[in-house]
Amino acid sequence: QFLDRFYMSRIGIRMLIGQHVELHNPNP
């Protein structure tokens, strides 16, 4: 149960960071 929660939360954190960073891409 911990690993399920942990990995789901990790996906959320990486998605938030990745989305913000990728919005700077001049050629999406």
PDB file of all heavy atoms in Angstrom:
ATOM      1  N   GLN A   1       0.832  -1.206   0.000  1.00  0.00           N
ATOM      2  CA  GLN A   1       0.000   0.000   0.000  1.00  0.00           C
ATOM      3  C   GLN A   1       0.866   1.255   0.000  1.00  0.00           C
ATOM      4  O   GLN A   1       0.565   2.222  -0.700  1.00  0.00           O
ATOM      5  CB  GLN A   1      -0.932  -0.005   1.218  1.00  0.00           C
ATOM      6  CG  GLN A   1      -2.038  -1.045   1.134  1.00  0.00           C
ATOM      7  CD  GLN A   1      -2.762  -1.232   2.451  1.00  0.00           C
ATOM      8  OE1 GLN A   1      -2.628  -0.427   3.381  1.00  0.00           O
ATOM      9  NE2 GLN A   1      -3.550  -2.294   2.549  1.00  0.00           N
ATOM     10  N   PHE A   2       1.951   1.229   0.785  1.00  0.00           N
ATOM     11  CA  PHE A   2       2.860   2.372   0.791  1.00  0.00           C
ATOM     12  C   PHE A   2       3.441   2.611  -0.599  1.00  0.00           C
ATOM     13  O   PHE A   2       3.464   3.737  -1.098  1.00  0.00           O
ATOM     14  CB  PHE A   2       4.004   2.159   1.781  1.00  0.00           C
ATOM     15  CG  PHE A   2       5.221   2.983   1.447  1.00  0.00           C
ATOM     16  CD1 PHE A   2       5.212   4.360   1.634  1.00  0.00           C
ATOM     17  CD2 PHE A   2       6.341   2.392   0.885  1.00  0.00           C
ATOM     18  CE1 PHE A   2       6.320   5.136   1.290  1.00  0.00           C
ATOM     19  CE2 PHE A   2       7.452   3.157   0.544  1.00  0.00           C
ATOM     20  CZ  PHE A   2       7.435   4.531   0.744  1.00  0.00           C
ATOM     21  N   LEU A   3       3.939   1.546  -1.249  1.00  0.00           N
ATOM     22  CA  LEU A   3       4.560   1.707  -2.566  1.00  0.00           C
ATOM     23  C   LEU A   3       3.556   2.234  -3.588  1.00  0.00           C
ATOM     24  O   LEU A   3       3.897   3.074  -4.422  1.00  0.00           O
ATOM     25  CB  LEU A   3       5.160   0.380  -3.035  1.00  0.00           C
ATOM     26  CG  LEU A   3       6.399  -0.088  -2.262  1.00  0.00           C
ATOM     27  CD1 LEU A   3       6.794  -1.492  -2.676  1.00  0.00           C
ATOM     28  CD2 LEU A   3       7.570   0.875  -2.470  1.00  0.00           C
ATOM     29  N   ASP A   4       2.304   1.754  -3.516  1.00  0.00           N
ATOM     30  CA  ASP A   4       1.273   2.267  -4.427  1.00  0.00           C
ATOM     31  C   ASP A   4       1.084   3.773  -4.240  1.00  0.00           C
ATOM     32  O   ASP A   4       1.072   4.531  -5.209  1.00  0.00           O
ATOM     33  CB  ASP A   4      -0.064   1.546  -4.183  1.00  0.00           C
ATOM     34  CG  ASP A   4      -0.077   0.132  -4.742  1.00  0.00           C
ATOM     35  OD1 ASP A   4       0.814  -0.198  -5.550  1.00  0.00           O
ATOM     36  OD2 ASP A   4      -0.975  -0.643  -4.361  1.00  0.00           O
ATOM     37  N   ARG A   5       0.934   4.190  -2.981  1.00  0.00           N
ATOM     38  CA  ARG A   5       0.758   5.626  -2.690  1.00  0.00           C
ATOM     39  C   ARG A   5       1.987   6.421  -3.118  1.00  0.00           C
ATOM     40  O   ARG A   5       1.883   7.491  -3.716  1.00  0.00           O
ATOM     41  CB  ARG A   5       0.536   5.853  -1.187  1.00  0.00           C
ATOM     42  CG  ARG A   5      -0.812   5.480  -0.650  1.00  0.00           C
ATOM     43  CD  ARG A   5      -1.026   6.093   0.734  1.00  0.00           C
ATOM     44  NE  ARG A   5       0.073   5.861   1.663  1.00  0.00           N
ATOM     45  CZ  ARG A   5       0.199   4.778   2.420  1.00  0.00           C
ATOM     46  NH1 ARG A   5      -0.692   3.807   2.355  1.00  0.00           N
ATOM     47  NH2 ARG A   5       1.222   4.650   3.253  1.00  0.00           N
ATOM     48  N   PHE A   6       3.132   5.886  -2.780  1.00  0.00           N
ATOM     49  CA  PHE A   6       4.396   6.587  -3.026  1.00  0.00           C
ATOM     50  C   PHE A   6       4.605   6.815  -4.518  1.00  0.00           C
ATOM     51  O   PHE A   6       4.938   7.929  -4.965  1.00  0.00           O
ATOM     52  CB  PHE A   6       5.542   5.773  -2.432  1.00  0.00           C
ATOM     53  CG  PHE A   6       6.871   6.468  -2.482  1.00  0.00           C
ATOM     54  CD1 PHE A   6       7.203   7.421  -1.528  1.00  0.00           C
ATOM     55  CD2 PHE A   6       7.789   6.183  -3.476  1.00  0.00           C
ATOM     56  CE1 PHE A   6       8.435   8.073  -1.560  1.00  0.00           C
ATOM     57  CE2 PHE A   6       9.021   6.821  -3.522  1.00  0.00           C
ATOM     58  CZ  PHE A   6       9.338   7.774  -2.561  1.00  0.00           C
ATOM     59  N   TYR A   7       4.402   5.774  -5.316  1.00  0.00           N
ATOM     60  CA  TYR A   7       4.632   5.906  -6.762  1.00  0.00           C
ATOM     61  C   TYR A   7       3.571   6.781  -7.425  1.00  0.00           C
ATOM     62  O   TYR A   7       3.878   7.522  -8.361  1.00  0.00           O
ATOM     63  CB  TYR A   7       4.683   4.522  -7.420  1.00  0.00           C
ATOM     64  CG  TYR A   7       5.907   3.719  -7.046  1.00  0.00           C
ATOM     65  CD1 TYR A   7       5.828   2.345  -6.851  1.00  0.00           C
ATOM     66  CD2 TYR A   7       7.155   4.323  -6.872  1.00  0.00           C
ATOM     67  CE1 TYR A   7       6.957   1.604  -6.501  1.00  0.00           C
ATOM     68  CE2 TYR A   7       8.282   3.592  -6.518  1.00  0.00           C
ATOM     69  CZ  TYR A   7       8.170   2.241  -6.339  1.00  0.00           C
ATOM     70  OH  TYR A   7       9.279   1.511  -5.984  1.00  0.00           O
ATOM     71  N   MET A   8       2.329   6.694  -6.948  1.00  0.00           N
ATOM     72  CA  MET A   8       1.291   7.572  -7.510  1.00  0.00           C
ATOM     73  C   MET A   8       1.611   9.032  -7.215  1.00  0.00           C
ATOM     74  O   MET A   8       1.469   9.904  -8.079  1.00  0.00           O
ATOM     75  CB  MET A   8      -0.088   7.212  -6.935  1.00  0.00           C
ATOM     76  CG  MET A   8      -0.690   5.953  -7.535  1.00  0.00           C
ATOM     77  SD  MET A   8      -0.966   6.083  -9.317  1.00  0.00           S
ATOM     78  CE  MET A   8      -2.261   7.326  -9.364  1.00  0.00           C
ATOM     79  N   SER A   9       2.046   9.312  -5.989  1.00  0.00           N
ATOM     80  CA  SER A   9       2.402  10.683  -5.625  1.00  0.00           C
ATOM     81  C   SER A   9       3.600  11.156  -6.441  1.00  0.00           C
ATOM     82  O   SER A   9       3.659  12.303  -6.880  1.00  0.00           O
ATOM     83  CB  SER A   9       2.725  10.768  -4.136  1.00  0.00           C
ATOM     84  OG  SER A   9       3.235  12.046  -3.819  1.00  0.00           O
ATOM     85  N   ARG A  10       4.561  10.251  -6.658  1.00  0.00           N
ATOM     86  CA  ARG A  10       5.740  10.605  -7.454  1.00  0.00           C
ATOM     87  C   ARG A  10       5.334  11.001  -8.873  1.00  0.00           C
ATOM     88  O   ARG A  10       5.843  11.972  -9.431  1.00  0.00           O
ATOM     89  CB  ARG A  10       6.703   9.409  -7.491  1.00  0.00           C
ATOM     90  CG  ARG A  10       7.947   9.649  -8.351  1.00  0.00           C
ATOM     91  CD  ARG A  10       8.882   8.452  -8.273  1.00  0.00           C
ATOM     92  NE  ARG A  10      10.108   8.715  -9.024  1.00  0.00           N
ATOM     93  CZ  ARG A  10      10.273   8.426 -10.299  1.00  0.00           C
ATOM     94  NH1 ARG A  10       9.294   7.875 -10.988  1.00  0.00           N
ATOM     95  NH2 ARG A  10      11.430   8.686 -10.900  1.00  0.00           N
ATOM     96  N   ILE A  11       4.392  10.246  -9.458  1.00  0.00           N
ATOM     97  CA  ILE A  11       3.900  10.585 -10.798  1.00  0.00           C
ATOM     98  C   ILE A  11       3.301  11.988 -10.792  1.00  0.00           C
ATOM     99  O   ILE A  11       3.535  12.786 -11.698  1.00  0.00           O
ATOM    100  CB  ILE A  11       2.862   9.550 -11.277  1.00  0.00           C
ATOM    101  CG1 ILE A  11       3.562   8.215 -11.573  1.00  0.00           C
ATOM    102  CG2 ILE A  11       2.124  10.051 -12.526  1.00  0.00           C
ATOM    103  CD1 ILE A  11       2.604   7.060 -11.801  1.00  0.00           C
ATOM    104  N   GLY A  12       2.528  12.305  -9.732  1.00  0.00           N
ATOM    105  CA  GLY A  12       1.905  13.631  -9.643  1.00  0.00           C
ATOM    106  C   GLY A  12       2.934  14.747  -9.578  1.00  0.00           C
ATOM    107  O   GLY A  12       2.822  15.765 -10.274  1.00  0.00           O
ATOM    108  N   ILE A  13       3.963  14.570  -8.744  1.00  0.00           N
ATOM    109  CA  ILE A  13       5.014  15.586  -8.607  1.00  0.00           C
ATOM    110  C   ILE A  13       5.739  15.778  -9.934  1.00  0.00           C
ATOM    111  O   ILE A  13       5.970  16.899 -10.387  1.00  0.00           O
ATOM    112  CB  ILE A  13       6.004  15.183  -7.492  1.00  0.00           C
ATOM    113  CG1 ILE A  13       5.331  15.287  -6.111  1.00  0.00           C
ATOM    114  CG2 ILE A  13       7.254  16.073  -7.531  1.00  0.00           C
ATOM    115  CD1 ILE A  13       6.150  14.671  -4.983  1.00  0.00           C
ATOM    116  N   ARG A  14       6.094  14.651 -10.587  1.00  0.00           N
ATOM    117  CA  ARG A  14       6.846  14.739 -11.848  1.00  0.00           C
ATOM    118  C   ARG A  14       5.991  15.331 -12.961  1.00  0.00           C
ATOM    119  O   ARG A  14       6.484  16.032 -13.844  1.00  0.00           O
ATOM    120  CB  ARG A  14       7.378  13.366 -12.241  1.00  0.00           C
ATOM    121  CG  ARG A  14       8.456  12.877 -11.286  1.00  0.00           C
ATOM    122  CD  ARG A  14       8.997  11.507 -11.646  1.00  0.00           C
ATOM    123  NE  ARG A  14       9.895  11.542 -12.789  1.00  0.00           N
ATOM    124  CZ  ARG A  14      11.161  11.937 -12.733  1.00  0.00           C
ATOM    125  NH1 ARG A  14      11.683  12.366 -11.585  1.00  0.00           N
ATOM    126  NH2 ARG A  14      11.917  11.904 -13.808  1.00  0.00           N
ATOM    127  N   MET A  15       4.692  15.058 -12.904  1.00  0.00           N
ATOM    128  CA  MET A  15       3.783  15.623 -13.909  1.00  0.00           C
ATOM    129  C   MET A  15       3.691  17.143 -13.746  1.00  0.00           C
ATOM    130  O   MET A  15       3.750  17.888 -14.739  1.00  0.00           O
ATOM    131  CB  MET A  15       2.392  14.993 -13.764  1.00  0.00           C
ATOM    132  CG  MET A  15       1.379  15.456 -14.791  1.00  0.00           C
ATOM    133  SD  MET A  15       1.769  14.826 -16.438  1.00  0.00           S
ATOM    134  CE  MET A  15       0.637  15.807 -17.433  1.00  0.00           C
ATOM    135  N   LEU A  16       3.565  17.615 -12.510  1.00  0.00           N
ATOM    136  CA  LEU A  16       3.473  19.060 -12.272  1.00  0.00           C
ATOM    137  C   LEU A  16       4.751  19.771 -12.730  1.00  0.00           C
ATOM    138  O   LEU A  16       4.689  20.810 -13.404  1.00  0.00           O
ATOM    139  CB  LEU A  16       3.235  19.334 -10.787  1.00  0.00           C
ATOM    140  CG  LEU A  16       1.844  19.003 -10.237  1.00  0.00           C
ATOM    141  CD1 LEU A  16       1.808  19.200  -8.732  1.00  0.00           C
ATOM    142  CD2 LEU A  16       0.768  19.844 -10.906  1.00  0.00           C
ATOM    143  N   ILE A  17       5.914  19.210 -12.363  1.00  0.00           N
ATOM    144  CA  ILE A  17       7.175  19.835 -12.769  1.00  0.00           C
ATOM    145  C   ILE A  17       7.340  19.749 -14.284  1.00  0.00           C
ATOM    146  O   ILE A  17       7.654  20.744 -14.947  1.00  0.00           O
ATOM    147  CB  ILE A  17       8.374  19.158 -12.072  1.00  0.00           C
ATOM    148  CG1 ILE A  17       8.323  19.403 -10.560  1.00  0.00           C
ATOM    149  CG2 ILE A  17       9.694  19.673 -12.645  1.00  0.00           C
ATOM    150  CD1 ILE A  17       9.412  18.665  -9.775  1.00  0.00           C
ATOM    151  N   GLY A  18       7.121  18.550 -14.829  1.00  0.00           N
ATOM    152  CA  GLY A  18       7.321  18.353 -16.267  1.00  0.00           C
ATOM    153  C   GLY A  18       6.410  19.217 -17.105  1.00  0.00           C
ATOM    154  O   GLY A  18       6.830  19.757 -18.142  1.00  0.00           O
ATOM    155  N   GLN A  19       5.165  19.373 -16.677  1.00  0.00           N
ATOM    156  CA  GLN A  19       4.221  20.204 -17.426  1.00  0.00           C
ATOM    157  C   GLN A  19       4.693  21.654 -17.454  1.00  0.00           C
ATOM    158  O   GLN A  19       4.689  22.301 -18.504  1.00  0.00           O
ATOM    159  CB  GLN A  19       2.824  20.100 -16.788  1.00  0.00           C
ATOM    160  CG  GLN A  19       1.754  20.952 -17.459  1.00  0.00           C
ATOM    161  CD  GLN A  19       1.341  20.445 -18.829  1.00  0.00           C
ATOM    162  OE1 GLN A  19       1.832  19.421 -19.285  1.00  0.00           O
ATOM    163  NE2 GLN A  19       0.451  21.161 -19.487  1.00  0.00           N
ATOM    164  N   HIS A  20       5.118  22.172 -16.310  1.00  0.00           N
ATOM    165  CA  HIS A  20       5.591  23.558 -16.254  1.00  0.00           C
ATOM    166  C   HIS A  20       6.826  23.748 -17.128  1.00  0.00           C
ATOM    167  O   HIS A  20       6.901  24.707 -17.906  1.00  0.00           O
ATOM    168  CB  HIS A  20       5.910  23.955 -14.812  1.00  0.00           C
ATOM    169  CG  HIS A  20       6.448  25.348 -14.688  1.00  0.00           C
ATOM    170  ND1 HIS A  20       5.627  26.464 -14.670  1.00  0.00           N
ATOM    171  CD2 HIS A  20       7.717  25.824 -14.614  1.00  0.00           C
ATOM    172  CE1 HIS A  20       6.381  27.551 -14.586  1.00  0.00           C
ATOM    173  NE2 HIS A  20       7.647  27.183 -14.547  1.00  0.00           N
ATOM    174  N   VAL A  21       7.772  22.829 -17.026  1.00  0.00           N
ATOM    175  CA  VAL A  21       9.009  22.941 -17.803  1.00  0.00           C
ATOM    176  C   VAL A  21       8.704  22.873 -19.303  1.00  0.00           C
ATOM    177  O   VAL A  21       9.236  23.659 -20.100  1.00  0.00           O
ATOM    178  CB  VAL A  21      10.002  21.821 -17.401  1.00  0.00           C
ATOM    179  CG1 VAL A  21      11.170  21.760 -18.378  1.00  0.00           C
ATOM    180  CG2 VAL A  21      10.510  22.050 -15.979  1.00  0.00           C
ATOM    181  N   GLU A  22       7.829  21.958 -19.686  1.00  0.00           N
ATOM    182  CA  GLU A  22       7.557  21.737 -21.112  1.00  0.00           C
ATOM    183  C   GLU A  22       6.819  22.923 -21.743  1.00  0.00           C
ATOM    184  O   GLU A  22       6.922  23.153 -22.952  1.00  0.00           O
ATOM    185  CB  GLU A  22       6.737  20.449 -21.284  1.00  0.00           C
ATOM    186  CG  GLU A  22       6.579  19.980 -22.722  1.00  0.00           C
ATOM    187  CD  GLU A  22       7.893  19.705 -23.433  1.00  0.00           C
ATOM    188  OE1 GLU A  22       8.882  19.352 -22.760  1.00  0.00           O
ATOM    189  OE2 GLU A  22       7.933  19.838 -24.676  1.00  0.00           O
ATOM    190  N   LEU A  23       6.111  23.700 -20.928  1.00  0.00           N
ATOM    191  CA  LEU A  23       5.423  24.885 -21.467  1.00  0.00           C
ATOM    192  C   LEU A  23       6.407  25.932 -21.976  1.00  0.00           C
ATOM    193  O   LEU A  23       6.019  26.859 -22.685  1.00  0.00           O
ATOM    194  CB  LEU A  23       4.496  25.498 -20.407  1.00  0.00           C
ATOM    195  CG  LEU A  23       3.266  24.662 -20.041  1.00  0.00           C
ATOM    196  CD1 LEU A  23       2.462  25.343 -18.943  1.00  0.00           C
ATOM    197  CD2 LEU A  23       2.382  24.411 -21.259  1.00  0.00           C
ATOM    198  N   HIS A  24       7.687  25.789 -21.627  1.00  0.00           N
ATOM    199  CA  HIS A  24       8.719  26.707 -22.125  1.00  0.00           C
ATOM    200  C   HIS A  24       9.261  26.280 -23.488  1.00  0.00           C
ATOM    201  O   HIS A  24      10.046  27.012 -24.094  1.00  0.00           O
ATOM    202  CB  HIS A  24       9.894  26.779 -21.142  1.00  0.00           C
ATOM    203  CG  HIS A  24       9.570  27.500 -19.871  1.00  0.00           C
ATOM    204  ND1 HIS A  24       8.816  26.939 -18.872  1.00  0.00           N
ATOM    205  CD2 HIS A  24       9.892  28.753 -19.443  1.00  0.00           C
ATOM    206  CE1 HIS A  24       8.689  27.800 -17.877  1.00  0.00           C
ATOM    207  NE2 HIS A  24       9.331  28.901 -18.188  1.00  0.00           N
ATOM    208  N   ASN A  25       8.874  25.086 -23.938  1.00  0.00           N
ATOM    209  CA  ASN A  25       9.388  24.561 -25.208  1.00  0.00           C
ATOM    210  C   ASN A  25       8.879  25.411 -26.363  1.00  0.00           C
ATOM    211  O   ASN A  25       7.669  25.474 -26.597  1.00  0.00           O
ATOM    212  CB  ASN A  25       8.945  23.104 -25.379  1.00  0.00           C
ATOM    213  CG  ASN A  25       9.577  22.450 -26.589  1.00  0.00           C
ATOM    214  OD1 ASN A  25      10.207  23.110 -27.422  1.00  0.00           O
ATOM    215  ND2 ASN A  25       9.409  21.143 -26.695  1.00  0.00           N
ATOM    216  N   PRO A  26       9.786  26.083 -27.105  1.00  0.00           N
ATOM    217  CA  PRO A  26       9.327  26.940 -28.206  1.00  0.00           C
ATOM    218  C   PRO A  26       8.775  26.149 -29.391  1.00  0.00           C
ATOM    219  O   PRO A  26       8.026  26.674 -30.205  1.00  0.00           O
ATOM    220  CB  PRO A  26      10.594  27.705 -28.620  1.00  0.00           C
ATOM    221  CG  PRO A  26      11.730  26.840 -28.165  1.00  0.00           C
ATOM    222  CD  PRO A  26      11.248  26.088 -26.960  1.00  0.00           C
ATOM    223  N   ASN A  27       9.149  24.854 -29.485  1.00  0.00           N
ATOM    224  CA  ASN A  27       8.669  24.010 -30.590  1.00  0.00           C
ATOM    225  C   ASN A  27       8.055  22.728 -30.043  1.00  0.00           C
ATOM    226  O   ASN A  27       8.650  21.644 -30.147  1.00  0.00           O
ATOM    227  CB  ASN A  27       9.833  23.657 -31.532  1.00  0.00           C
ATOM    228  CG  ASN A  27      10.470  24.906 -32.131  1.00  0.00           C
ATOM    229  OD1 ASN A  27       9.803  25.701 -32.775  1.00  0.00           O
ATOM    230  ND2 ASN A  27      11.766  25.071 -31.893  1.00  0.00           N
ATOM    231  N   PRO A  28       6.860  22.835 -29.453  1.00  0.00           N
ATOM    232  CA  PRO A  28       6.245  21.640 -28.877  1.00  0.00           C
ATOM    233  C   PRO A  28       5.895  20.626 -29.963  1.00  0.00           C
ATOM    234  O   PRO A  28       5.621  21.005 -31.104  1.00  0.00           O
ATOM    235  CB  PRO A  28       4.982  22.183 -28.204  1.00  0.00           C
ATOM    236  CG  PRO A  28       4.682  23.469 -28.887  1.00  0.00           C
ATOM    237  CD  PRO A  28       5.995  24.027 -29.327  1.00  0.00           C
TER     238      PRO A  28
END
